[in-house]
C-alpha atoms as a PDB file:
ATOM      1  CA  MET A   1     -39.429 100.420 121.630  1.00  0.00           C
ATOM      2  CA  SER A   2     -40.728 102.580 124.448  1.00  0.00           C
ATOM      3  CA  ASP A   3     -43.105  99.799 125.593  1.00  0.00           C
ATOM      4  CA  ARG A   4     -40.085  97.558 126.234  1.00  0.00           C
ATOM      5  CA  ILE A   5     -38.578 100.246 128.438  1.00  0.00           C
ATOM      6  CA  TYR A   6     -41.578 101.757 130.212  1.00  0.00           C
ATOM      7  CA  LEU A   7     -43.841  98.751 130.823  1.00  0.00           C
ATOM      8  CA  PRO A   8     -41.245  97.037 133.072  1.00  0.00           C
ATOM      9  CA  ILE A   9     -40.777 100.343 134.923  1.00  0.00           C
ATOM     10  CA  ILE A  10     -44.546 100.609 135.406  1.00  0.00           C
ATOM     11  CA  GLY A  11     -44.663  96.985 136.586  1.00  0.00           C
ATOM     12  CA  THR A  12     -41.836  97.507 139.046  1.00  0.00           C
ATOM     13  CA  ALA A  13     -43.368 100.716 140.432  1.00  0.00           C
ATOM     14  CA  SER A  14     -46.741  98.958 140.701  1.00  0.00           C
ATOM     15  CA  VAL A  15     -45.186  96.354 142.984  1.00  0.00           C
ATOM     16  CA  LEU A  16     -42.757  98.548 144.924  1.00  0.00           C
ATOM     17  CA  ILE A  17     -45.134 101.395 145.832  1.00  0.00           C
ATOM     18  CA  PRO A  18     -47.748  99.242 147.631  1.00  0.00           C
ATOM     19  CA  LEU A  19     -44.981  97.098 149.136  1.00  0.00           C
ATOM     20  CA  VAL A  20     -43.178 100.086 150.662  1.00  0.00           C
ATOM     21  CA  VAL A  21     -46.453 101.508 152.000  1.00  0.00           C
ATOM     22  CA  ALA A  22     -47.445  98.128 153.470  1.00  0.00           C
ATOM     23  CA  LEU A  23     -44.050  97.641 155.092  1.00  0.00           C
ATOM     24  CA  LEU A  24     -44.216 101.114 156.570  1.00  0.00           C
ATOM     25  CA  LEU A  25     -47.643 100.478 158.052  1.00  0.00           C
ATOM     26  CA  PHE A  26     -46.668  97.139 159.582  1.00  0.00           C
ATOM     27  CA  ILE A  27     -43.374  98.180 161.154  1.00  0.00           C
ATOM     28  CA  PRO A  28     -44.078  97.806 164.887  1.00  0.00           C
ATOM     29  CA  SER A  29     -41.736 100.576 166.028  1.00  0.00           C
ATOM     30  CA  LYS A  30     -41.163 103.630 163.906  1.00  0.00           C
ATOM     31  CA  ASP A  31     -38.507 105.104 166.214  1.00  0.00           C
ATOM     32  CA  ALA A  32     -35.777 104.557 163.624  1.00  0.00           C
ATOM     33  CA  PHE A  33     -37.674 106.766 161.149  1.00  0.00           C
ATOM     34  CA  ASN A  34     -38.906 109.391 163.575  1.00  0.00           C
ATOM     35  CA  MET A  35     -37.266 112.714 162.815  1.00  0.00           C
ATOM     36  CA  GLY A  36     -39.299 114.622 165.379  1.00  0.00           C
ATOM     37  CA  ILE A  37     -41.221 116.649 162.812  1.00  0.00           C
ATOM     38  CA  ASP A  38     -44.758 117.808 163.517  1.00  0.00           C
ATOM     39  CA  VAL A  39     -47.021 115.924 161.111  1.00  0.00           C
ATOM     40  CA  HIS A  40     -50.400 116.456 162.793  1.00  0.00           C
ATOM     41  CA  PHE A  41     -51.648 118.589 159.865  1.00  0.00           C
ATOM     42  CA  LEU A  42     -50.907 115.976 157.173  1.00  0.00           C
ATOM     43  CA  PRO A  43     -54.126 113.911 157.429  1.00  0.00           C
ATOM     44  CA  LEU A  44     -56.206 117.039 156.764  1.00  0.00           C
ATOM     45  CA  LEU A  45     -53.866 118.030 153.947  1.00  0.00           C
ATOM     46  CA  ASN A  46     -54.216 114.521 152.492  1.00  0.00           C
ATOM     47  CA  ALA A  47     -58.015 114.762 152.631  1.00  0.00           C
ATOM     48  CA  CYS A  48     -57.843 118.112 150.836  1.00  0.00           C
ATOM     49  CA  ILE A  49     -55.549 116.612 148.209  1.00  0.00           C
ATOM     50  CA  ASN A  50     -57.927 113.668 147.713  1.00  0.00           C
ATOM     51  CA  SER A  51     -60.870 116.063 147.410  1.00  0.00           C
ATOM     52  CA  THR A  52     -59.047 118.035 144.747  1.00  0.00           C
ATOM     53  CA  VAL A  53     -58.066 114.848 142.919  1.00  0.00           C
ATOM     54  CA  SER A  54     -61.754 113.834 142.891  1.00  0.00           C
ATOM     55  CA  VAL A  55     -62.745 117.161 141.344  1.00  0.00           C
ATOM     56  CA  LEU A  56     -59.949 116.921 138.780  1.00  0.00           C
ATOM     57  CA  LEU A  57     -60.951 113.388 137.788  1.00  0.00           C
ATOM     58  CA  VAL A  58     -64.597 114.348 137.265  1.00  0.00           C
ATOM     59  CA  THR A  59     -63.575 117.521 135.423  1.00  0.00           C
ATOM     60  CA  GLY A  60     -61.167 115.539 133.238  1.00  0.00           C
ATOM     61  CA  PHE A  61     -63.972 113.105 132.431  1.00  0.00           C
ATOM     62  CA  TYR A  62     -66.223 116.036 131.519  1.00  0.00           C
ATOM     63  CA  PHE A  63     -63.580 117.480 129.207  1.00  0.00           C
ATOM     64  CA  ILE A  64     -62.878 114.225 127.390  1.00  0.00           C
ATOM     65  CA  ARG A  65     -66.615 113.765 126.810  1.00  0.00           C
ATOM     66  CA  ARG A  66     -66.568 117.225 125.195  1.00  0.00           C
ATOM     67  CA  ARG A  67     -63.492 116.194 123.159  1.00  0.00           C
ATOM     68  CA  ASN A  68     -61.361 118.870 124.807  1.00  0.00           C
ATOM     69  CA  ILE A  69     -58.209 116.759 124.905  1.00  0.00           C
ATOM     70  CA  ASN A  70     -55.868 119.480 126.169  1.00  0.00           C
ATOM     71  CA  ALA A  71     -58.099 120.319 129.149  1.00  0.00           C
ATOM     72  CA  HIS A  72     -58.556 116.576 129.837  1.00  0.00           C
ATOM     73  CA  LYS A  73     -54.792 116.043 129.753  1.00  0.00           C
ATOM     74  CA  THR A  74     -54.221 118.988 132.108  1.00  0.00           C
ATOM     75  CA  CYS A  75     -56.777 117.653 134.601  1.00  0.00           C
ATOM     76  CA  MET A  76     -55.434 114.114 134.523  1.00  0.00           C
ATOM     77  CA  LEU A  77     -51.788 115.116 134.835  1.00  0.00           C
ATOM     78  CA  SER A  78     -52.728 117.462 137.693  1.00  0.00           C
ATOM     79  CA  ALA A  79     -54.606 114.608 139.404  1.00  0.00           C
ATOM     80  CA  THR A  80     -51.525 112.424 138.945  1.00  0.00           C
ATOM     81  CA  MET A  81     -49.185 115.037 140.413  1.00  0.00           C
ATOM     82  CA  LEU A  82     -51.480 115.583 143.390  1.00  0.00           C
ATOM     83  CA  SER A  83     -51.844 111.834 143.930  1.00  0.00           C
ATOM     84  CA  THR A  84     -48.057 111.573 143.965  1.00  0.00           C
ATOM     85  CA  LEU A  85     -47.890 114.426 146.485  1.00  0.00           C
ATOM     86  CA  PHE A  86     -50.541 112.606 148.535  1.00  0.00           C
ATOM     87  CA  LEU A  87     -48.469 109.413 148.517  1.00  0.00           C
ATOM     88  CA  VAL A  88     -45.346 111.262 149.701  1.00  0.00           C
ATOM     89  CA  SER A  89     -47.319 113.037 152.426  1.00  0.00           C
ATOM     90  CA  TYR A  90     -49.006 109.776 153.458  1.00  0.00           C
ATOM     91  CA  VAL A  91     -45.659 107.991 153.757  1.00  0.00           C
ATOM     92  CA  ILE A  92     -44.154 110.869 155.755  1.00  0.00           C
ATOM     93  CA  TYR A  93     -47.139 110.940 158.119  1.00  0.00           C
ATOM     94  CA  HIS A  94     -47.180 107.198 158.726  1.00  0.00           C
ATOM     95  CA  SER A  95     -43.414 107.102 159.244  1.00  0.00           C
ATOM     96  CA  GLN A  96     -43.638 109.782 161.949  1.00  0.00           C
ATOM     97  CA  ALA A  97     -46.959 109.284 163.720  1.00  0.00           C
ATOM     98  CA  PRO A  98     -48.357 106.388 165.721  1.00  0.00           C
ATOM     99  CA  ALA A  99     -51.301 104.520 164.244  1.00  0.00           C
ATOM    100  CA  THR A 100     -54.717 105.964 165.049  1.00  0.00           C
ATOM    101  CA  LYS A 101     -57.399 103.480 166.086  1.00  0.00           C
ATOM    102  CA  PHE A 102     -60.992 103.983 164.967  1.00  0.00           C
ATOM    103  CA  GLY A 103     -63.128 104.431 168.074  1.00  0.00           C
ATOM    104  CA  GLY A 104     -66.597 104.084 166.599  1.00  0.00           C
ATOM    105  CA  GLU A 105     -68.881 101.324 167.803  1.00  0.00           C
ATOM    106  CA  GLY A 106     -71.769  99.347 166.403  1.00  0.00           C
ATOM    107  CA  ILE A 107     -72.759  99.447 162.736  1.00  0.00           C
ATOM    108  CA  ILE A 108     -70.590 102.493 161.994  1.00  0.00           C
ATOM    109  CA  ARG A 109     -67.513 100.416 162.867  1.00  0.00           C
ATOM    110  CA  TYR A 110     -68.438  97.853 160.196  1.00  0.00           C
ATOM    111  CA  VAL A 111     -69.152 100.614 157.689  1.00  0.00           C
ATOM    112  CA  TYR A 112     -65.793 102.230 158.439  1.00  0.00           C
ATOM    113  CA  PHE A 113     -63.837  99.011 158.028  1.00  0.00           C
ATOM    114  CA  PHE A 114     -65.702  98.097 154.827  1.00  0.00           C
ATOM    115  CA  ILE A 115     -64.836 101.490 153.327  1.00  0.00           C
ATOM    116  CA  LEU A 116     -61.255 101.315 154.637  1.00  0.00           C
ATOM    117  CA  ILE A 117     -60.581  97.797 153.332  1.00  0.00           C
ATOM    118  CA  THR A 118     -62.064  98.459 149.884  1.00  0.00           C
ATOM    119  CA  HIS A 119     -60.136 101.745 149.788  1.00  0.00           C
ATOM    120  CA  ILE A 120     -56.836 100.001 150.589  1.00  0.00           C
ATOM    121  CA  VAL A 121     -57.357  97.152 148.112  1.00  0.00           C
ATOM    122  CA  LEU A 122     -58.375  99.497 145.306  1.00  0.00           C
ATOM    123  CA  ALA A 123     -55.574 101.958 146.138  1.00  0.00           C
ATOM    124  CA  THR A 124     -53.197  99.090 145.397  1.00  0.00           C
ATOM    125  CA  VAL A 125     -55.033  98.197 142.183  1.00  0.00           C
ATOM    126  CA  ILE A 126     -55.087 101.788 140.938  1.00  0.00           C
ATOM    127  CA  VAL A 127     -51.302 102.157 140.834  1.00  0.00           C
ATOM    128  CA  PRO A 128     -50.711 100.069 137.681  1.00  0.00           C
ATOM    129  CA  LEU A 129     -54.005 101.161 136.120  1.00  0.00           C
ATOM    130  CA  ALA A 130     -53.232 104.865 136.524  1.00  0.00           C
ATOM    131  CA  LEU A 131     -49.633 104.485 135.377  1.00  0.00           C
ATOM    132  CA  LEU A 132     -50.694 102.513 132.292  1.00  0.00           C
ATOM    133  CA  SER A 133     -53.497 104.951 131.486  1.00  0.00           C
ATOM    134  CA  ILE A 134     -51.134 107.901 131.692  1.00  0.00           C
ATOM    135  CA  TYR A 135     -48.461 106.137 129.686  1.00  0.00           C
ATOM    136  CA  ARG A 136     -50.891 105.107 126.932  1.00  0.00           C
ATOM    137  CA  GLY A 137     -52.419 108.579 126.734  1.00  0.00           C
ATOM    138  CA  LEU A 138     -49.088 110.404 126.629  1.00  0.00           C
ATOM    139  CA  ASN A 139     -47.828 108.052 123.912  1.00  0.00           C
ATOM    140  CA  SER A 140     -50.915 108.564 121.720  1.00  0.00           C
ATOM    141  CA  GLN A 141     -51.998 104.933 122.119  1.00  0.00           C
ATOM    142  CA  PHE A 142     -55.566 106.150 122.391  1.00  0.00           C
ATOM    143  CA  ALA A 143     -57.394 102.866 121.755  1.00  0.00           C
ATOM    144  CA  LEU A 144     -55.422 101.185 124.551  1.00  0.00           C
ATOM    145  CA  HIS A 145     -55.749 104.318 126.700  1.00  0.00           C
ATOM    146  CA  ARG A 146     -59.548 104.277 126.396  1.00  0.00           C
ATOM    147  CA  LYS A 147     -59.715 100.551 127.211  1.00  0.00           C
ATOM    148  CA  ILE A 148     -57.815 100.890 130.469  1.00  0.00           C
ATOM    149  CA  ALA A 149     -59.205 104.330 131.389  1.00  0.00           C
ATOM    150  CA  ARG A 150     -62.700 102.806 131.530  1.00  0.00           C
ATOM    151  CA  TRP A 151     -61.471 100.865 134.557  1.00  0.00           C
ATOM    152  CA  THR A 152     -59.029 103.438 135.887  1.00  0.00           C
ATOM    153  CA  PHE A 153     -61.453 106.351 136.187  1.00  0.00           C
ATOM    154  CA  PRO A 154     -64.113 104.801 138.462  1.00  0.00           C
ATOM    155  CA  ILE A 155     -61.538 103.009 140.640  1.00  0.00           C
ATOM    156  CA  TRP A 156     -59.358 106.103 141.015  1.00  0.00           C
ATOM    157  CA  LEU A 157     -62.411 108.227 141.802  1.00  0.00           C
ATOM    158  CA  TYR A 158     -63.580 105.684 144.402  1.00  0.00           C
ATOM    159  CA  VAL A 159     -60.142 105.663 146.041  1.00  0.00           C
ATOM    160  CA  ALA A 160     -59.973 109.467 146.151  1.00  0.00           C
ATOM    161  CA  VAL A 161     -63.509 109.889 147.536  1.00  0.00           C
ATOM    162  CA  THR A 162     -63.209 107.088 150.087  1.00  0.00           C
ATOM    163  CA  GLY A 163     -59.884 108.554 151.213  1.00  0.00           C
ATOM    164  CA  VAL A 164     -61.790 111.673 152.259  1.00  0.00           C
ATOM    165  CA  ILE A 165     -64.551 109.595 153.880  1.00  0.00           C
ATOM    166  CA  VAL A 166     -62.015 107.551 155.866  1.00  0.00           C
ATOM    167  CA  TYR A 167     -60.379 110.770 157.048  1.00  0.00           C
ATOM    168  CA  LEU A 168     -63.715 112.255 158.115  1.00  0.00           C
ATOM    169  CA  MET A 169     -64.622 109.090 160.001  1.00  0.00           C
ATOM    170  CA  ILE A 170     -61.312 108.685 161.842  1.00  0.00           C
ATOM    171  CA  SER A 171     -60.415 112.358 162.387  1.00  0.00           C
ATOM    172  CA  PRO A 172     -62.198 112.603 165.770  1.00  0.00           C
ATOM    173  CA  TYR A 173     -59.791 109.921 167.051  1.00  0.00           C
ATOM    174  CA  TYR A 174     -56.527 111.606 166.026  1.00  0.00           C
ATOM    175  CA  PRO A 175     -54.424 112.688 169.006  1.00  0.00           C
ATOM    176  CA  HIS A 176     -54.470 116.440 169.524  1.00  0.00           C
END
């Protein structure tokens, strides 16, 4: 019964979240959204959140390998809450601040855009994977949880780590 209710919700969220973020990023003028709040600190906050999510994911993996299910659950739910906070902060920042252009040249420019593009694509992919993993785990569907978590964990970890790398690479170009 709960699959019939929650799987469509997960599917809808998996489409709407990336769609809203994409629309926000491609709106040419953000004047309609600009509330005049100072958001200059949010990229650093987001990098700190992503760093913490990375640590929580690895720690959660460690705990599940040790069969400490309660500690694993705590780590994964904490990573989920922080990722949600990241998404809210990311949306607020990009609705208030102009886009920052990467100023690096040469090979580092190609490296940056490779990391950025893979980060963006996988950040879109991770939404349904993470939501399904959490749903399956919380509903004691452990065989299905393990199947999807094998994909979710490395992708989510990659997205969190590359989020920090992207921040470190573009941070010298943020307006001060």
